[in-house]
């Protein structure tokens, strides 16, 4: 029974992280900015949350500080995202190259700080001292807070793009920016806001990576490629939040099954093939990208710099 609980808990934790990662990519690309820097922005958020955990939760008895440390990680990642927004929007640089540079920079910063020994005696990991998944009951018994956040995020984004005027304008910036510009609305303003929001969401997702069973309260300098998987889920979901949520559930279960299959059975034959299931989600990711590559319906202006004088 406990093994099934572990499978369920890991599935939920992975769903939370992948939901934030995929929505982060969506928020940037809906406004026409390609963001493959989700991974790097998640790393920055995870780094901030882990470091703050060592400072404000030294004895592990201040889990309530997650309530403000997590948004702080998102805010720092949002500010960090401007390093992608400025060259992509103002300088009109290649957005893919900019995203790759952000990923490398974030990984370099994280690995330096993790191995520096500045935040604990360990030299290869930062221990955040937070209890994975649940917030301390003194904070109101929110169990699990992270899952509630993911659900609220998904519903909120769906309603934002579906029924609000601002959401429709936001989406039009990624579909037909010249029409938006002709209406007197600033395309650059919306795109900067989009990249900032993308960074905030990615940063919170990175923080949740540390705070849930995925990271077990530890940060080793990376988020195991979940940012890239979030982008794959976004493509799988055809830039539609309801399909993305379904994709996040499926991928999360496959990952959790791969990690726990060897412990769920006594069959030696199944245990022998258990490592294959750890590879299966990555294989499914590649297959998904290939299948949907020709039929993908990305926003029409995604990745295309906006030139006002070309209207």
Protein backbone atom coordinates (compact mmCIF):
# COMPACT_ATOMS: atom_id res chain seq x y z
CA UNK A 1 0.00 0.00 0.00
CA UNK A 2 2.79 2.42 0.89
CA UNK A 3 4.41 1.74 -2.48
CA UNK A 4 1.22 2.72 -4.29
CA UNK A 5 1.06 5.87 -2.18
CA UNK A 6 4.62 6.70 -3.25
CA UNK A 7 3.61 6.23 -6.90
CA UNK A 8 0.58 8.49 -6.42
CA UNK A 9 2.58 11.15 -4.55
CA UNK A 10 5.31 11.26 -7.20
CA UNK A 11 2.72 11.46 -9.99
CA UNK A 12 1.12 14.48 -8.30
CA UNK A 13 4.50 16.14 -7.72
CA UNK A 14 5.56 15.63 -11.34
CA UNK A 15 2.19 16.88 -12.57
CA UNK A 16 2.65 20.07 -10.56
CA UNK A 17 6.13 20.76 -11.91
CA UNK A 18 5.28 19.90 -15.53
CA UNK A 19 2.09 22.00 -15.42
CA UNK A 20 4.02 25.08 -14.36
CA UNK A 21 6.75 24.38 -16.93
CA UNK A 22 4.31 23.98 -19.82
CA UNK A 23 2.18 27.00 -18.85
CA UNK A 24 5.36 29.08 -18.62
CA UNK A 25 6.16 28.30 -22.25
CA UNK A 26 2.55 28.96 -23.25
CA UNK A 27 2.43 32.43 -21.70
CA UNK A 28 5.44 33.58 -23.73
CA UNK A 29 4.51 31.94 -27.02
CA UNK A 30 0.89 33.12 -26.92
CA UNK A 31 2.31 36.63 -27.28
CA UNK A 32 4.70 35.62 -30.06
CA UNK A 33 7.95 35.11 -28.14
CA UNK A 34 9.62 31.72 -28.42
CA UNK A 35 10.82 30.70 -24.99
CA UNK A 36 13.03 27.64 -24.81
CA UNK A 37 14.61 29.22 -21.73
CA UNK A 38 11.93 27.73 -19.46
CA UNK A 39 14.55 25.34 -18.11
CA UNK A 40 16.91 28.15 -17.17
CA UNK A 41 14.17 30.20 -15.54
CA UNK A 42 13.08 27.16 -13.51
CA UNK A 43 16.68 26.69 -12.39
CA UNK A 44 16.81 30.28 -11.10
CA UNK A 45 13.54 29.84 -9.20
CA UNK A 46 14.73 26.55 -7.70
CA UNK A 47 18.05 28.13 -6.74
CA UNK A 48 16.39 31.05 -4.94
CA UNK A 49 13.98 28.80 -3.03
CA UNK A 50 16.75 26.39 -2.01
CA UNK A 51 19.07 29.18 -0.86
CA UNK A 52 16.34 30.97 1.07
CA UNK A 53 15.44 27.67 2.73
CA UNK A 54 18.95 27.42 4.15
CA UNK A 55 18.68 30.95 5.51
CA UNK A 56 15.15 31.20 6.94
CA UNK A 57 14.55 27.53 7.74
CA UNK A 58 17.85 26.39 9.22
CA UNK A 59 16.30 24.08 11.79
CA UNK A 60 13.47 22.85 9.57
CA UNK A 61 10.85 24.33 11.89
CA UNK A 62 9.78 27.26 9.69
CA UNK A 63 7.99 25.56 6.81
CA UNK A 64 5.49 28.43 6.71
CA UNK A 65 8.17 30.55 5.06
CA UNK A 66 7.42 28.62 1.86
CA UNK A 67 4.41 30.91 1.50
CA UNK A 68 6.63 33.89 0.68
CA UNK A 69 9.85 32.20 -0.43
CA UNK A 70 8.08 30.51 -3.35
CA UNK A 71 6.68 33.77 -4.82
CA UNK A 72 10.10 35.35 -4.25
CA UNK A 73 11.70 32.65 -6.41
CA UNK A 74 9.11 33.38 -9.09
CA UNK A 75 9.75 37.13 -8.93
CA UNK A 76 13.53 36.72 -9.23
CA UNK A 77 13.06 34.39 -12.20
CA UNK A 78 10.69 36.92 -13.76
CA UNK A 79 13.32 39.65 -13.50
CA UNK A 80 15.93 37.21 -14.85
CA UNK A 81 13.61 36.60 -17.83
CA UNK A 82 14.20 40.17 -19.00
CA UNK A 83 17.62 38.95 -20.13
CA UNK A 84 15.66 36.99 -22.73
CA UNK A 85 13.04 39.68 -23.38
CA UNK A 86 15.45 42.53 -24.18
CA UNK A 87 17.41 40.84 -27.00
CA UNK A 88 14.32 39.03 -28.31
CA UNK A 89 11.92 42.00 -28.36
CA UNK A 90 13.93 45.22 -28.40
CA UNK A 91 17.06 44.06 -30.23
CA UNK A 92 15.02 41.64 -32.39
CA UNK A 93 17.65 38.93 -32.01
CA UNK A 94 17.16 35.26 -32.77
CA UNK A 95 14.92 34.05 -29.96
CA UNK A 96 16.21 30.48 -30.05
CA UNK A 97 19.80 31.61 -29.57
CA UNK A 98 18.77 33.95 -26.77
CA UNK A 99 16.90 31.12 -25.02
CA UNK A 100 19.87 28.77 -25.29
CA UNK A 101 22.14 31.46 -23.83
CA UNK A 102 19.76 31.97 -20.89
CA UNK A 103 19.73 28.23 -20.18
CA UNK A 104 23.52 28.07 -20.17
CA UNK A 105 23.84 31.19 -17.98
CA UNK A 106 21.31 29.91 -15.43
CA UNK A 107 22.95 26.50 -15.25
CA UNK A 108 26.37 28.08 -14.80
CA UNK A 109 25.17 30.34 -11.97
CA UNK A 110 23.41 27.46 -10.23
CA UNK A 111 26.32 25.03 -10.49
CA UNK A 112 28.73 27.66 -9.18
CA UNK A 113 26.60 28.40 -6.12
CA UNK A 114 25.74 24.75 -5.45
CA UNK A 115 29.39 23.70 -5.47
CA UNK A 116 30.63 26.80 -3.63
CA UNK A 117 29.77 25.55 -0.14
CA UNK A 118 28.33 28.97 0.75
CA UNK A 119 24.98 27.48 1.75
CA UNK A 120 25.83 24.51 3.93
CA UNK A 121 28.61 22.01 4.38
CA UNK A 122 27.60 20.00 1.32
CA UNK A 123 29.54 20.86 -1.83
CA UNK A 124 27.30 19.25 -4.46
CA UNK A 125 23.81 20.04 -3.19
CA UNK A 126 21.85 22.77 -1.40
CA UNK A 127 19.49 21.40 1.26
CA UNK A 128 16.50 23.72 1.51
CA UNK A 129 15.39 22.18 4.86
CA UNK A 130 11.77 22.22 3.67
CA UNK A 131 9.50 19.21 4.09
CA UNK A 132 8.51 17.96 0.59
CA UNK A 133 4.97 18.44 -0.79
CA UNK A 134 2.97 19.62 2.22
CA UNK A 135 3.03 22.92 4.08
CA UNK A 136 3.16 22.77 7.85
CA UNK A 137 -0.30 22.53 9.45
CA UNK A 138 0.35 25.77 11.29
CA UNK A 139 -0.17 27.48 7.92
CA UNK A 140 -3.76 26.28 7.74
CA UNK A 141 -3.37 22.63 6.81
CA UNK A 142 -3.28 23.22 3.03
CA UNK A 143 -2.60 19.72 1.68
CA UNK A 144 -1.08 19.75 -0.80
CA UNK A 145 -0.73 23.46 -1.44
CA UNK A 146 1.27 22.90 -4.60
CA UNK A 147 -1.45 20.83 -6.27
CA UNK A 148 -4.00 23.53 -5.53
CA UNK A 149 -1.69 26.10 -7.08
CA UNK A 150 -1.32 24.01 -10.26
CA UNK A 151 -5.08 23.54 -10.61
CA UNK A 152 -5.78 27.23 -10.01
CA UNK A 153 -3.09 28.14 -12.56
CA UNK A 154 -4.59 25.88 -15.22
CA UNK A 155 -8.16 27.10 -14.69
CA UNK A 156 -7.04 30.73 -14.44
CA UNK A 157 -5.08 30.62 -17.70
CA UNK A 158 -7.96 28.89 -19.48
CA UNK A 159 -10.46 31.52 -18.37
CA UNK A 160 -8.03 34.36 -19.08
CA UNK A 161 -7.65 33.44 -22.74
CA UNK A 162 -11.23 32.25 -23.19
CA UNK A 163 -13.41 34.98 -21.74
CA UNK A 164 -11.39 38.10 -20.87
CA UNK A 165 -10.76 41.02 -23.20
CA UNK A 166 -7.15 41.31 -22.07
CA UNK A 167 -6.59 37.61 -22.73
CA UNK A 168 -7.92 37.90 -26.28
CA UNK A 169 -5.66 40.89 -26.93
CA UNK A 170 -2.76 38.97 -25.44
CA UNK A 171 -3.38 36.05 -27.82
CA UNK A 172 -3.77 38.38 -30.81
CA UNK A 173 -0.30 39.78 -30.18
CA UNK A 174 1.00 36.32 -31.04
CA UNK A 175 -1.37 35.84 -33.97
CA UNK A 176 -1.51 39.23 -35.70
CA UNK A 177 0.66 41.85 -33.99
CA UNK A 178 0.20 44.38 -36.81
CA UNK A 179 -3.56 44.40 -36.24
CA UNK A 180 -2.99 45.00 -32.54
CA UNK A 181 -0.54 47.80 -33.34
CA UNK A 182 -3.06 49.39 -35.73
CA UNK A 183 -5.55 49.48 -32.85
CA UNK A 184 -3.09 51.59 -30.86
CA UNK A 185 -2.00 48.81 -28.50
CA UNK A 186 1.70 48.37 -27.75
CA UNK A 187 2.96 45.01 -29.01
CA UNK A 188 6.26 45.43 -27.18
CA UNK A 189 4.49 46.07 -23.88
CA UNK A 190 2.48 42.88 -24.17
CA UNK A 191 5.51 40.84 -25.19
CA UNK A 192 7.62 42.13 -22.30
CA UNK A 193 4.76 41.32 -19.93
CA UNK A 194 4.45 37.87 -21.49
CA UNK A 195 8.12 37.03 -20.97
CA UNK A 196 8.01 38.35 -17.40
CA UNK A 197 4.94 36.22 -16.60
CA UNK A 198 6.60 33.25 -18.25
CA UNK A 199 9.62 33.75 -16.00
CA UNK A 200 7.51 34.10 -12.85
CA UNK A 201 5.57 30.91 -13.58
CA UNK A 202 8.74 29.01 -14.48
CA UNK A 203 10.44 30.27 -11.32
CA UNK A 204 7.55 29.08 -9.15
CA UNK A 205 7.66 25.76 -10.99
CA UNK A 206 11.36 25.49 -10.23
CA UNK A 207 10.69 26.28 -6.58
CA UNK A 208 8.01 23.60 -6.49
CA UNK A 209 10.53 21.20 -8.00
CA UNK A 210 12.58 21.66 -4.83
CA UNK A 211 9.63 21.69 -2.44
CA UNK A 212 7.87 18.56 -3.74
CA UNK A 213 8.80 14.89 -3.90
CA UNK A 214 10.52 15.53 -7.24
CA UNK A 215 13.41 17.37 -5.60
CA UNK A 216 12.85 16.12 -2.03
CA UNK A 217 13.87 19.48 -0.61
CA UNK A 218 17.24 19.40 -2.38
CA UNK A 219 18.76 21.32 -5.29
CA UNK A 220 21.75 19.97 -7.20
CA UNK A 221 22.07 22.75 -9.77
CA UNK A 222 19.50 21.64 -12.35
CA UNK A 223 15.83 20.68 -12.70
CA UNK A 224 16.44 17.44 -14.61
CA UNK A 225 15.19 18.74 -17.94
CA UNK A 226 11.60 19.26 -16.82
CA UNK A 227 11.60 22.70 -18.44
CA UNK A 228 12.22 21.13 -21.83
CA UNK A 229 9.58 18.49 -21.13
CA UNK A 230 7.17 21.29 -20.32
CA UNK A 231 7.80 22.73 -23.78
CA UNK A 232 7.17 19.29 -25.30
CA UNK A 233 3.86 19.08 -23.41
CA UNK A 234 2.92 22.53 -24.70
CA UNK A 235 3.49 21.35 -28.28
CA UNK A 236 1.64 18.10 -27.57
CA UNK A 237 -1.28 20.17 -26.26
CA UNK A 238 -1.25 22.38 -29.38
CA UNK A 239 -0.90 25.53 -27.24
CA UNK A 240 -4.29 24.78 -25.62
CA UNK A 241 -4.30 24.60 -21.84
CA UNK A 242 -6.87 21.79 -21.48
CA UNK A 243 -4.89 19.46 -23.74
CA UNK A 244 -1.67 20.47 -21.99
CA UNK A 245 -3.12 19.46 -18.62
CA UNK A 246 -4.02 16.04 -20.02
CA UNK A 247 -0.50 15.71 -21.40
CA UNK A 248 1.00 16.67 -18.04
CA UNK A 249 -1.07 13.98 -16.32
CA UNK A 250 -0.01 11.30 -18.80
CA UNK A 251 3.68 12.18 -18.77
CA UNK A 252 3.69 12.43 -14.97
CA UNK A 253 2.21 8.99 -14.56
CA UNK A 254 4.70 7.44 -17.00
CA UNK A 255 7.61 9.05 -15.15
CA UNK A 256 6.33 7.97 -11.75
CA UNK A 257 5.67 4.45 -13.00
CA UNK A 258 9.18 4.23 -14.39
CA UNK A 259 10.63 5.26 -11.04
CA UNK A 260 8.47 2.89 -8.96
CA UNK A 261 7.72 -0.14 -11.14
CA UNK A 262 10.59 -2.17 -9.76
CA UNK A 263 9.22 -1.74 -6.24
CA UNK A 264 5.56 -2.47 -7.07
CA UNK A 265 5.98 -6.09 -8.06
CA UNK A 266 7.70 -9.25 -6.91
CA UNK A 267 8.00 -10.58 -10.46
CA UNK A 268 11.64 -10.86 -11.46
CA UNK A 269 10.72 -10.57 -15.16
CA UNK A 270 9.01 -7.22 -14.62
CA UNK A 271 11.86 -5.99 -12.44
CA UNK A 272 14.28 -6.75 -15.26
CA UNK A 273 12.39 -4.54 -17.70
CA UNK A 274 11.65 -1.82 -15.13
CA UNK A 275 14.60 0.36 -16.31
CA UNK A 276 12.95 0.47 -19.75
CA UNK A 277 9.99 2.33 -18.27
CA UNK A 278 12.35 5.05 -17.03
CA UNK A 279 13.34 5.67 -20.63
CA UNK A 280 9.77 5.37 -21.95
CA UNK A 281 8.66 8.96 -21.13
CA UNK A 282 11.64 10.41 -22.98
CA UNK A 283 10.92 8.15 -25.94
CA UNK A 284 7.28 9.23 -25.87
CA UNK A 285 8.44 12.85 -25.84
CA UNK A 286 10.48 12.37 -29.02
CA UNK A 287 7.68 10.46 -30.74
CA UNK A 288 5.18 13.14 -29.73
CA UNK A 289 7.38 15.91 -31.14
CA UNK A 290 7.72 14.04 -34.45
CA UNK A 291 4.02 13.22 -34.77
CA UNK A 292 2.85 16.76 -34.06
CA UNK A 293 5.66 18.59 -35.88
CA UNK A 294 3.70 18.97 -39.14
CA UNK A 295 0.27 19.51 -37.66
CA UNK A 296 1.30 21.92 -34.91
CA UNK A 297 -0.79 25.08 -34.76
CA UNK A 298 1.53 27.47 -33.00
CA UNK A 299 0.61 31.17 -32.80
CA UNK A 300 1.19 32.59 -36.28
CA UNK A 301 3.70 35.26 -35.23
CA UNK A 302 5.65 33.22 -32.65
CA UNK A 303 9.39 33.71 -32.98
CA UNK A 304 8.98 36.55 -35.49
CA UNK A 305 10.35 39.95 -34.38
CA UNK A 306 7.85 42.78 -34.65
CA UNK A 307 8.76 45.66 -36.97
CA UNK A 308 6.30 48.52 -36.69
CA UNK A 309 7.19 49.95 -40.08
CA UNK A 310 6.33 46.72 -41.94
CA UNK A 311 2.60 46.96 -41.32
